[in-house]
């Protein structure tokens, strides 16, 4: 958390990279199960263990934004993309402001 507050752009970039890797791994594993019929692969448990909490947290944020702020998922994604580009810059967007979509 200290590193995040000191260098938000760098740390958030690393977080986004880790998230992308986990979801790509989950998608590749999904393809192996769906198209190859293999449910015994060593990657299956690892990708589910890594990606499931991330997907769950993302879905929680989407539902919360919809219920509390009436923000659609596409609107939420656009806001998040802009906020991530602006955080830590001269615009004054702070890491804490990323917690709420409004």
PDB file of N, CA and C in Angstrom:
ATOM      1  N   UNK A   1       0.822  -1.191   0.000  1.00  0.00           N
ATOM      2  CA  UNK A   1       0.000   0.000   0.000  1.00  0.00           C
ATOM      3  C   UNK A   1       0.864   1.252   0.000  1.00  0.00           C
ATOM      4  N   UNK A   2       2.008   1.199   0.697  1.00  0.00           N
ATOM      5  CA  UNK A   2       2.900   2.352   0.711  1.00  0.00           C
ATOM      6  C   UNK A   2       3.407   2.621  -0.699  1.00  0.00           C
ATOM      7  N   UNK A   3       3.797   1.557  -1.405  1.00  0.00           N
ATOM      8  CA  UNK A   3       4.283   1.720  -2.777  1.00  0.00           C
ATOM      9  C   UNK A   3       3.181   2.296  -3.669  1.00  0.00           C
ATOM     10  N   UNK A   4       1.945   1.858  -3.470  1.00  0.00           N
ATOM     11  CA  UNK A   4       0.818   2.370  -4.251  1.00  0.00           C
ATOM     12  C   UNK A   4       0.629   3.863  -4.037  1.00  0.00           C
ATOM     13  N   UNK A   5       0.725   4.298  -2.801  1.00  0.00           N
ATOM     14  CA  UNK A   5       0.553   5.724  -2.515  1.00  0.00           C
ATOM     15  C   UNK A   5       1.737   6.552  -3.004  1.00  0.00           C
ATOM     16  N   UNK A   6       2.923   5.963  -3.016  1.00  0.00           N
ATOM     17  CA  UNK A   6       4.113   6.692  -3.457  1.00  0.00           C
ATOM     18  C   UNK A   6       4.207   6.770  -4.986  1.00  0.00           C
ATOM     19  N   UNK A   7       3.893   5.664  -5.659  1.00  0.00           N
ATOM     20  CA  UNK A   7       3.995   5.597  -7.121  1.00  0.00           C
ATOM     21  C   UNK A   7       2.737   4.948  -7.695  1.00  0.00           C
ATOM     22  N   UNK A   8       1.617   5.660  -7.688  1.00  0.00           N
ATOM     23  CA  UNK A   8       0.349   5.030  -8.090  1.00  0.00           C
ATOM     24  C   UNK A   8       0.327   4.543  -9.534  1.00  0.00           C
ATOM     25  N   UNK A   9       0.894   5.289 -10.455  1.00  0.00           N
ATOM     26  CA  UNK A   9       0.847   4.852 -11.858  1.00  0.00           C
ATOM     27  C   UNK A   9       1.592   3.540 -12.065  1.00  0.00           C
ATOM     28  N   UNK A  10       2.781   3.437 -11.494  1.00  0.00           N
ATOM     29  CA  UNK A  10       3.585   2.233 -11.667  1.00  0.00           C
ATOM     30  C   UNK A  10       2.902   1.029 -11.018  1.00  0.00           C
ATOM     31  N   UNK A  11       2.463   1.188  -9.792  1.00  0.00           N
ATOM     32  CA  UNK A  11       1.866   0.066  -9.062  1.00  0.00           C
ATOM     33  C   UNK A  11       0.536  -0.347  -9.697  1.00  0.00           C
ATOM     34  N   UNK A  12      -0.285   0.607 -10.089  1.00  0.00           N
ATOM     35  CA  UNK A  12      -1.550   0.261 -10.746  1.00  0.00           C
ATOM     36  C   UNK A  12      -1.297  -0.401 -12.096  1.00  0.00           C
ATOM     37  N   UNK A  13      -0.254  -0.009 -12.783  1.00  0.00           N
ATOM     38  CA  UNK A  13       0.131  -0.679 -14.030  1.00  0.00           C
ATOM     39  C   UNK A  13       0.489  -2.136 -13.791  1.00  0.00           C
ATOM     40  N   UNK A  14       1.225  -2.392 -12.711  1.00  0.00           N
ATOM     41  CA  UNK A  14       1.569  -3.772 -12.354  1.00  0.00           C
ATOM     42  C   UNK A  14       0.323  -4.569 -11.986  1.00  0.00           C
ATOM     43  N   UNK A  15      -0.587  -3.947 -11.261  1.00  0.00           N
ATOM     44  CA  UNK A  15      -1.831  -4.619 -10.878  1.00  0.00           C
ATOM     45  C   UNK A  15      -2.644  -4.964 -12.124  1.00  0.00           C
ATOM     46  N   UNK A  16      -2.753  -4.028 -13.048  1.00  0.00           N
ATOM     47  CA  UNK A  16      -3.508  -4.283 -14.278  1.00  0.00           C
ATOM     48  C   UNK A  16      -2.858  -5.399 -15.093  1.00  0.00           C
ATOM     49  N   UNK A  17      -1.542  -5.418 -15.133  1.00  0.00           N
ATOM     50  CA  UNK A  17      -0.832  -6.472 -15.852  1.00  0.00           C
ATOM     51  C   UNK A  17      -1.098  -7.840 -15.221  1.00  0.00           C
ATOM     52  N   UNK A  18      -1.052  -7.910 -13.914  1.00  0.00           N
ATOM     53  CA  UNK A  18      -1.324  -9.168 -13.205  1.00  0.00           C
ATOM     54  C   UNK A  18      -2.751  -9.631 -13.455  1.00  0.00           C
ATOM     55  N   UNK A  19      -3.681  -8.698 -13.437  1.00  0.00           N
ATOM     56  CA  UNK A  19      -5.090  -9.014 -13.694  1.00  0.00           C
ATOM     57  C   UNK A  19      -5.276  -9.561 -15.107  1.00  0.00           C
ATOM     58  N   UNK A  20      -4.644  -8.901 -16.092  1.00  0.00           N
ATOM     59  CA  UNK A  20      -4.744  -9.363 -17.484  1.00  0.00           C
ATOM     60  C   UNK A  20      -4.190 -10.772 -17.638  1.00  0.00           C
ATOM     61  N   UNK A  21      -3.037 -11.021 -17.035  1.00  0.00           N
ATOM     62  CA  UNK A  21      -2.416 -12.345 -17.122  1.00  0.00           C
ATOM     63  C   UNK A  21      -3.340 -13.404 -16.532  1.00  0.00           C
ATOM     64  N   UNK A  22      -3.918 -13.122 -15.375  1.00  0.00           N
ATOM     65  CA  UNK A  22      -4.808 -14.092 -14.719  1.00  0.00           C
ATOM     66  C   UNK A  22      -6.026 -14.387 -15.583  1.00  0.00           C
ATOM     67  N   UNK A  23      -6.616 -13.354 -16.175  1.00  0.00           N
ATOM     68  CA  UNK A  23      -7.807 -13.580 -16.999  1.00  0.00           C
ATOM     69  C   UNK A  23      -7.469 -14.279 -18.310  1.00  0.00           C
ATOM     70  N   UNK A  24      -6.323 -13.968 -18.891  1.00  0.00           N
ATOM     71  CA  UNK A  24      -5.904 -14.683 -20.110  1.00  0.00           C
ATOM     72  C   UNK A  24      -5.664 -16.152 -19.807  1.00  0.00           C
ATOM     73  N   UNK A  25      -5.043 -16.427 -18.669  1.00  0.00           N
ATOM     74  CA  UNK A  25      -4.805 -17.809 -18.268  1.00  0.00           C
ATOM     75  C   UNK A  25      -6.139 -18.532 -18.065  1.00  0.00           C
ATOM     76  N   UNK A  26      -7.092 -17.869 -17.442  1.00  0.00           N
ATOM     77  CA  UNK A  26      -8.411 -18.463 -17.244  1.00  0.00           C
ATOM     78  C   UNK A  26      -9.073 -18.748 -18.589  1.00  0.00           C
ATOM     79  N   UNK A  27      -8.960 -17.821 -19.534  1.00  0.00           N
ATOM     80  CA  UNK A  27      -9.578 -18.012 -20.844  1.00  0.00           C
ATOM     81  C   UNK A  27      -8.923 -19.169 -21.595  1.00  0.00           C
ATOM     82  N   UNK A  28      -7.596 -19.262 -21.545  1.00  0.00           N
ATOM     83  CA  UNK A  28      -6.907 -20.379 -22.195  1.00  0.00           C
ATOM     84  C   UNK A  28      -7.319 -21.709 -21.562  1.00  0.00           C
ATOM     85  N   UNK A  29      -7.445 -21.717 -20.245  1.00  0.00           N
ATOM     86  CA  UNK A  29      -7.869 -22.934 -19.559  1.00  0.00           C
ATOM     87  C   UNK A  29      -9.294 -23.293 -19.941  1.00  0.00           C
ATOM     88  N   UNK A  30     -10.129 -22.281 -20.062  1.00  0.00           N
ATOM     89  CA  UNK A  30     -11.518 -22.501 -20.504  1.00  0.00           C
ATOM     90  C   UNK A  30     -11.534 -23.145 -21.883  1.00  0.00           C
ATOM     91  N   UNK A  31     -10.670 -22.676 -22.785  1.00  0.00           N
ATOM     92  CA  UNK A  31     -10.604 -23.258 -24.127  1.00  0.00           C
ATOM     93  C   UNK A  31     -10.158 -24.718 -24.084  1.00  0.00           C
ATOM     94  N   UNK A  32      -9.210 -25.032 -23.208  1.00  0.00           N
ATOM     95  CA  UNK A  32      -8.747 -26.415 -23.083  1.00  0.00           C
ATOM     96  C   UNK A  32      -9.883 -27.308 -22.607  1.00  0.00           C
ATOM     97  N   UNK A  33     -10.649 -26.824 -21.639  1.00  0.00           N
ATOM     98  CA  UNK A  33     -11.769 -27.615 -21.109  1.00  0.00           C
ATOM     99  C   UNK A  33     -12.872 -27.721 -22.155  1.00  0.00           C
ATOM    100  N   UNK A  34     -13.249 -26.604 -22.749  1.00  0.00           N
ATOM    101  CA  UNK A  34     -14.378 -26.587 -23.680  1.00  0.00           C
ATOM    102  C   UNK A  34     -14.064 -27.302 -24.984  1.00  0.00           C
ATOM    103  N   UNK A  35     -12.927 -27.005 -25.588  1.00  0.00           N
ATOM    104  CA  UNK A  35     -12.621 -27.545 -26.906  1.00  0.00           C
ATOM    105  C   UNK A  35     -11.844 -28.855 -26.841  1.00  0.00           C
ATOM    106  N   UNK A  36     -11.071 -29.033 -25.786  1.00  0.00           N
ATOM    107  CA  UNK A  36     -10.283 -30.255 -25.673  1.00  0.00           C
ATOM    108  C   UNK A  36     -10.906 -31.298 -24.782  1.00  0.00           C
ATOM    109  N   UNK A  37     -11.880 -30.890 -23.973  1.00  0.00           N
ATOM    110  CA  UNK A  37     -12.554 -31.834 -23.101  1.00  0.00           C
ATOM    111  C   UNK A  37     -11.709 -32.294 -21.923  1.00  0.00           C
ATOM    112  N   UNK A  38     -10.608 -31.617 -21.669  1.00  0.00           N
ATOM    113  CA  UNK A  38      -9.721 -32.020 -20.587  1.00  0.00           C
ATOM    114  C   UNK A  38     -10.026 -31.247 -19.313  1.00  0.00           C
ATOM    115  N   UNK A  39     -10.396 -31.963 -18.278  1.00  0.00           N
ATOM    116  CA  UNK A  39     -10.635 -31.318 -16.981  1.00  0.00           C
ATOM    117  C   UNK A  39      -9.574 -31.715 -15.968  1.00  0.00           C
ATOM    118  N   UNK A  40      -8.540 -32.377 -16.411  1.00  0.00           N
ATOM    119  CA  UNK A  40      -7.496 -32.865 -15.516  1.00  0.00           C
ATOM    120  C   UNK A  40      -6.195 -32.080 -15.643  1.00  0.00           C
ATOM    121  N   UNK A  41      -6.180 -30.994 -16.396  1.00  0.00           N
ATOM    122  CA  UNK A  41      -4.952 -30.227 -16.590  1.00  0.00           C
ATOM    123  C   UNK A  41      -4.467 -29.571 -15.314  1.00  0.00           C
ATOM    124  N   UNK A  42      -3.153 -29.448 -15.198  1.00  0.00           N
ATOM    125  CA  UNK A  42      -2.577 -28.845 -13.997  1.00  0.00           C
ATOM    126  C   UNK A  42      -2.891 -27.352 -13.915  1.00  0.00           C
ATOM    127  N   UNK A  43      -3.148 -26.726 -15.035  1.00  0.00           N
ATOM    128  CA  UNK A  43      -3.411 -25.281 -15.053  1.00  0.00           C
ATOM    129  C   UNK A  43      -4.821 -24.942 -14.576  1.00  0.00           C
ATOM    130  N   UNK A  44      -5.728 -25.902 -14.605  1.00  0.00           N
ATOM    131  CA  UNK A  44      -7.124 -25.622 -14.265  1.00  0.00           C
ATOM    132  C   UNK A  44      -7.272 -25.113 -12.829  1.00  0.00           C
ATOM    133  N   UNK A  45      -6.743 -25.829 -11.876  1.00  0.00           N
ATOM    134  CA  UNK A  45      -6.898 -25.412 -10.478  1.00  0.00           C
ATOM    135  C   UNK A  45      -6.155 -24.110 -10.201  1.00  0.00           C
ATOM    136  N   UNK A  46      -4.974 -23.956 -10.774  1.00  0.00           N
ATOM    137  CA  UNK A  46      -4.196 -22.730 -10.546  1.00  0.00           C
ATOM    138  C   UNK A  46      -4.902 -21.518 -11.139  1.00  0.00           C
ATOM    139  N   UNK A  47      -5.446 -21.647 -12.343  1.00  0.00           N
ATOM    140  CA  UNK A  47      -6.102 -20.482 -12.947  1.00  0.00           C
ATOM    141  C   UNK A  47      -7.411 -20.162 -12.241  1.00  0.00           C
ATOM    142  N   UNK A  48      -8.128 -21.159 -11.779  1.00  0.00           N
ATOM    143  CA  UNK A  48      -9.351 -20.882 -11.012  1.00  0.00           C
ATOM    144  C   UNK A  48      -9.026 -20.251  -9.663  1.00  0.00           C
ATOM    145  N   UNK A  49      -7.984 -20.728  -9.008  1.00  0.00           N
ATOM    146  CA  UNK A  49      -7.589 -20.179  -7.711  1.00  0.00           C
ATOM    147  C   UNK A  49      -7.172 -18.710  -7.849  1.00  0.00           C
ATOM    148  N   UNK A  50      -6.527 -18.368  -8.952  1.00  0.00           N
ATOM    149  CA  UNK A  50      -6.061 -17.001  -9.162  1.00  0.00           C
ATOM    150  C   UNK A  50      -7.165 -16.090  -9.675  1.00  0.00           C
ATOM    151  N   UNK A  51      -7.912 -16.542 -10.680  1.00  0.00           N
ATOM    152  CA  UNK A  51      -8.863 -15.667 -11.360  1.00  0.00           C
ATOM    153  C   UNK A  51     -10.209 -15.536 -10.652  1.00  0.00           C
ATOM    154  N   UNK A  52     -10.656 -16.574  -9.975  1.00  0.00           N
ATOM    155  CA  UNK A  52     -11.989 -16.531  -9.367  1.00  0.00           C
ATOM    156  C   UNK A  52     -12.171 -15.371  -8.394  1.00  0.00           C
ATOM    157  N   UNK A  53     -11.233 -15.115  -7.478  1.00  0.00           N
ATOM    158  CA  UNK A  53     -11.421 -13.963  -6.585  1.00  0.00           C
ATOM    159  C   UNK A  53     -11.414 -12.629  -7.332  1.00  0.00           C
ATOM    160  N   UNK A  54     -10.612 -12.536  -8.380  1.00  0.00           N
ATOM    161  CA  UNK A  54     -10.567 -11.296  -9.155  1.00  0.00           C
ATOM    162  C   UNK A  54     -11.870 -11.067  -9.907  1.00  0.00           C
ATOM    163  N   UNK A  55     -12.372 -12.113 -10.519  1.00  0.00           N
ATOM    164  CA  UNK A  55     -13.649 -12.007 -11.235  1.00  0.00           C
ATOM    165  C   UNK A  55     -14.769 -11.690 -10.254  1.00  0.00           C
ATOM    166  N   UNK A  56     -14.774 -12.349  -9.115  1.00  0.00           N
ATOM    167  CA  UNK A  56     -15.799 -12.088  -8.097  1.00  0.00           C
ATOM    168  C   UNK A  56     -15.767 -10.654  -7.615  1.00  0.00           C
ATOM    169  N   UNK A  57     -14.574 -10.139  -7.341  1.00  0.00           N
ATOM    170  CA  UNK A  57     -14.449  -8.748  -6.894  1.00  0.00           C
ATOM    171  C   UNK A  57     -14.905  -7.783  -7.979  1.00  0.00           C
ATOM    172  N   UNK A  58     -14.559  -8.077  -9.226  1.00  0.00           N
ATOM    173  CA  UNK A  58     -14.989  -7.225 -10.334  1.00  0.00           C
ATOM    174  C   UNK A  58     -16.499  -7.207 -10.491  1.00  0.00           C
ATOM    175  N   UNK A  59     -17.112  -8.372 -10.383  1.00  0.00           N
ATOM    176  CA  UNK A  59     -18.571  -8.444 -10.480  1.00  0.00           C
ATOM    177  C   UNK A  59     -19.238  -7.721  -9.314  1.00  0.00           C
ATOM    178  N   UNK A  60     -18.649  -7.839  -8.123  1.00  0.00           N
ATOM    179  CA  UNK A  60     -19.182  -7.102  -6.971  1.00  0.00           C
ATOM    180  C   UNK A  60     -19.170  -5.604  -7.226  1.00  0.00           C
ATOM    181  N   UNK A  61     -18.082  -5.088  -7.793  1.00  0.00           N
ATOM    182  CA  UNK A  61     -17.964  -3.655  -8.076  1.00  0.00           C
ATOM    183  C   UNK A  61     -18.988  -3.228  -9.138  1.00  0.00           C
ATOM    184  N   UNK A  62     -19.202  -4.073 -10.134  1.00  0.00           N
ATOM    185  CA  UNK A  62     -20.159  -3.750 -11.195  1.00  0.00           C
ATOM    186  C   UNK A  62     -21.577  -3.683 -10.622  1.00  0.00           C
ATOM    187  N   UNK A  63     -21.938  -4.671  -9.818  1.00  0.00           N
ATOM    188  CA  UNK A  63     -23.274  -4.688  -9.214  1.00  0.00           C
ATOM    189  C   UNK A  63     -23.445  -3.507  -8.261  1.00  0.00           C
ATOM    190  N   UNK A  64     -22.440  -3.215  -7.454  1.00  0.00           N
ATOM    191  CA  UNK A  64     -22.517  -2.088  -6.527  1.00  0.00           C
ATOM    192  C   UNK A  64     -22.702  -0.780  -7.283  1.00  0.00           C
ATOM    193  N   UNK A  65     -21.931  -0.588  -8.350  1.00  0.00           N
ATOM    194  CA  UNK A  65     -22.051   0.645  -9.144  1.00  0.00           C
ATOM    195  C   UNK A  65     -23.437   0.760  -9.768  1.00  0.00           C
ATOM    196  N   UNK A  66     -23.995  -0.359 -10.195  1.00  0.00           N
ATOM    197  CA  UNK A  66     -25.332  -0.340 -10.783  1.00  0.00           C
ATOM    198  C   UNK A  66     -26.386  -0.012  -9.731  1.00  0.00           C
ATOM    199  N   UNK A  67     -26.312  -0.666  -8.590  1.00  0.00           N
ATOM    200  CA  UNK A  67     -27.330  -0.500  -7.557  1.00  0.00           C
ATOM    201  C   UNK A  67     -27.256   0.842  -6.844  1.00  0.00           C
ATOM    202  N   UNK A  68     -26.061   1.335  -6.591  1.00  0.00           N
ATOM    203  CA  UNK A  68     -25.898   2.559  -5.811  1.00  0.00           C
ATOM    204  C   UNK A  68     -25.836   3.805  -6.693  1.00  0.00           C
ATOM    205  N   UNK A  69     -25.158   3.703  -7.827  1.00  0.00           N
ATOM    206  CA  UNK A  69     -24.929   4.888  -8.666  1.00  0.00           C
ATOM    207  C   UNK A  69     -25.635   4.817 -10.025  1.00  0.00           C
ATOM    208  N   UNK A  70     -26.369   3.737 -10.279  1.00  0.00           N
ATOM    209  CA  UNK A  70     -27.032   3.519 -11.561  1.00  0.00           C
ATOM    210  C   UNK A  70     -26.054   3.641 -12.736  1.00  0.00           C
ATOM    211  N   UNK A  71     -24.835   3.140 -12.540  1.00  0.00           N
ATOM    212  CA  UNK A  71     -23.816   3.178 -13.588  1.00  0.00           C
ATOM    213  C   UNK A  71     -23.819   1.847 -14.333  1.00  0.00           C
ATOM    214  N   UNK A  72     -23.891   1.910 -15.646  1.00  0.00           N
ATOM    215  CA  UNK A  72     -23.852   0.693 -16.447  1.00  0.00           C
ATOM    216  C   UNK A  72     -22.423   0.143 -16.453  1.00  0.00           C
ATOM    217  N   UNK A  73     -22.257  -1.140 -16.754  1.00  0.00           N
ATOM    218  CA  UNK A  73     -20.903  -1.703 -16.795  1.00  0.00           C
ATOM    219  C   UNK A  73     -19.983  -0.991 -17.790  1.00  0.00           C
ATOM    220  N   UNK A  74     -20.513  -0.621 -18.949  1.00  0.00           N
ATOM    221  CA  UNK A  74     -19.690   0.074 -19.941  1.00  0.00           C
ATOM    222  C   UNK A  74     -19.279   1.457 -19.439  1.00  0.00           C
ATOM    223  N   UNK A  75     -20.200   2.153 -18.795  1.00  0.00           N
ATOM    224  CA  UNK A  75     -19.898   3.454 -18.218  1.00  0.00           C
ATOM    225  C   UNK A  75     -18.846   3.323 -17.119  1.00  0.00           C
ATOM    226  N   UNK A  76     -19.001   2.307 -16.289  1.00  0.00           N
ATOM    227  CA  UNK A  76     -18.044   2.059 -15.216  1.00  0.00           C
ATOM    228  C   UNK A  76     -16.657   1.766 -15.778  1.00  0.00           C
ATOM    229  N   UNK A  77     -16.590   0.961 -16.826  1.00  0.00           N
ATOM    230  CA  UNK A  77     -15.301   0.636 -17.446  1.00  0.00           C
ATOM    231  C   UNK A  77     -14.649   1.877 -18.050  1.00  0.00           C
ATOM    232  N   UNK A  78     -15.447   2.720 -18.697  1.00  0.00           N
ATOM    233  CA  UNK A  78     -14.904   3.945 -19.283  1.00  0.00           C
ATOM    234  C   UNK A  78     -14.370   4.884 -18.211  1.00  0.00           C
ATOM    235  N   UNK A  79     -15.130   5.024 -17.131  1.00  0.00           N
ATOM    236  CA  UNK A  79     -14.674   5.880 -16.024  1.00  0.00           C
ATOM    237  C   UNK A  79     -13.387   5.352 -15.419  1.00  0.00           C
ATOM    238  N   UNK A  80     -13.319   4.035 -15.248  1.00  0.00           N
ATOM    239  CA  UNK A  80     -12.126   3.423 -14.666  1.00  0.00           C
ATOM    240  C   UNK A  80     -10.915   3.636 -15.566  1.00  0.00           C
ATOM    241  N   UNK A  81     -11.093   3.478 -16.852  1.00  0.00           N
ATOM    242  CA  UNK A  81      -9.990   3.672 -17.802  1.00  0.00           C
ATOM    243  C   UNK A  81      -9.463   5.101 -17.736  1.00  0.00           C
ATOM    244  N   UNK A  82     -10.354   6.063 -17.731  1.00  0.00           N
ATOM    245  CA  UNK A  82      -9.941   7.470 -17.651  1.00  0.00           C
ATOM    246  C   UNK A  82      -9.265   7.752 -16.313  1.00  0.00           C
ATOM    247  N   UNK A  83      -9.843   7.274 -15.230  1.00  0.00           N
ATOM    248  CA  UNK A  83      -9.275   7.527 -13.910  1.00  0.00           C
ATOM    249  C   UNK A  83      -7.880   6.917 -13.781  1.00  0.00           C
ATOM    250  N   UNK A  84      -7.684   5.723 -14.313  1.00  0.00           N
ATOM    251  CA  UNK A  84      -6.371   5.089 -14.239  1.00  0.00           C
ATOM    252  C   UNK A  84      -5.327   5.871 -15.023  1.00  0.00           C
ATOM    253  N   UNK A  85      -5.736   6.490 -16.107  1.00  0.00           N
ATOM    254  CA  UNK A  85      -4.792   7.312 -16.883  1.00  0.00           C
ATOM    255  C   UNK A  85      -4.463   8.624 -16.180  1.00  0.00           C
ATOM    256  N   UNK A  86      -5.396   9.130 -15.378  1.00  0.00           N
ATOM    257  CA  UNK A  86      -5.210  10.431 -14.737  1.00  0.00           C
ATOM    258  C   UNK A  86      -4.614  10.353 -13.328  1.00  0.00           C
ATOM    259  N   UNK A  87      -4.683   9.192 -12.693  1.00  0.00           N
ATOM    260  CA  UNK A  87      -4.248   9.090 -11.297  1.00  0.00           C
ATOM    261  C   UNK A  87      -2.764   9.445 -11.163  1.00  0.00           C
ATOM    262  N   UNK A  88      -2.487  10.187 -10.127  1.00  0.00           N
ATOM    263  CA  UNK A  88      -1.109  10.547  -9.840  1.00  0.00           C
ATOM    264  C   UNK A  88      -0.535  11.645 -10.711  1.00  0.00           C
ATOM    265  N   UNK A  89      -1.340  12.241 -11.548  1.00  0.00           N
ATOM    266  CA  UNK A  89      -0.859  13.300 -12.434  1.00  0.00           C
ATOM    267  C   UNK A  89      -1.216  14.673 -11.920  1.00  0.00           C
ATOM    268  N   UNK A  90      -1.096  15.644 -12.785  1.00  0.00           N
ATOM    269  CA  UNK A  90      -1.378  17.024 -12.390  1.00  0.00           C
ATOM    270  C   UNK A  90      -2.866  17.315 -12.240  1.00  0.00           C
ATOM    271  N   UNK A  91      -3.734  16.351 -12.583  1.00  0.00           N
ATOM    272  CA  UNK A  91      -5.178  16.567 -12.458  1.00  0.00           C
ATOM    273  C   UNK A  91      -5.667  16.444 -11.026  1.00  0.00           C
ATOM    274  N   UNK A  92      -4.854  15.880 -10.160  1.00  0.00           N
ATOM    275  CA  UNK A  92      -5.237  15.747  -8.759  1.00  0.00           C
ATOM    276  C   UNK A  92      -6.052  14.510  -8.451  1.00  0.00           C
ATOM    277  N   UNK A  93      -6.219  13.598  -9.406  1.00  0.00           N
ATOM    278  CA  UNK A  93      -6.941  12.355  -9.148  1.00  0.00           C
ATOM    279  C   UNK A  93      -6.064  11.491  -8.249  1.00  0.00           C
ATOM    280  N   UNK A  94      -6.606  11.125  -7.095  1.00  0.00           N
ATOM    281  CA  UNK A  94      -5.831  10.323  -6.146  1.00  0.00           C
ATOM    282  C   UNK A  94      -6.256   8.860  -6.209  1.00  0.00           C
ATOM    283  N   UNK A  95      -5.445   8.020  -5.623  1.00  0.00           N
ATOM    284  CA  UNK A  95      -5.747   6.576  -5.574  1.00  0.00           C
ATOM    285  C   UNK A  95      -7.062   6.361  -4.832  1.00  0.00           C
ATOM    286  N   UNK A  96      -7.296   7.089  -3.791  1.00  0.00           N
ATOM    287  CA  UNK A  96      -8.505   6.935  -2.991  1.00  0.00           C
ATOM    288  C   UNK A  96      -9.749   7.229  -3.825  1.00  0.00           C
ATOM    289  N   UNK A  97      -9.666   8.179  -4.741  1.00  0.00           N
ATOM    290  CA  UNK A  97     -10.825   8.525  -5.562  1.00  0.00           C
ATOM    291  C   UNK A  97     -11.215   7.417  -6.526  1.00  0.00           C
ATOM    292  N   UNK A  98     -10.342   6.417  -6.716  1.00  0.00           N
ATOM    293  CA  UNK A  98     -10.655   5.297  -7.596  1.00  0.00           C
ATOM    294  C   UNK A  98     -11.659   4.342  -6.973  1.00  0.00           C
ATOM    295  N   UNK A  99     -11.902   4.481  -5.683  1.00  0.00           N
ATOM    296  CA  UNK A  99     -12.786   3.548  -4.991  1.00  0.00           C
ATOM    297  C   UNK A  99     -14.259   3.739  -5.315  1.00  0.00           C
ATOM    298  N   UNK A 100     -14.655   4.921  -5.717  1.00  0.00           N
ATOM    299  CA  UNK A 100     -16.056   5.180  -6.046  1.00  0.00           C
ATOM    300  C   UNK A 100     -16.181   5.605  -7.504  1.00  0.00           C
ATOM    301  N   UNK A 101     -17.206   5.092  -8.205  1.00  0.00           N
ATOM    302  CA  UNK A 101     -17.364   5.425  -9.625  1.00  0.00           C
ATOM    303  C   UNK A 101     -17.895   6.822  -9.880  1.00  0.00           C
ATOM    304  N   UNK A 102     -18.521   7.453  -8.894  1.00  0.00           N
ATOM    305  CA  UNK A 102     -19.134   8.768  -9.119  1.00  0.00           C
ATOM    306  C   UNK A 102     -18.119   9.883  -9.081  1.00  0.00           C
TER     307      UNK A 102
END
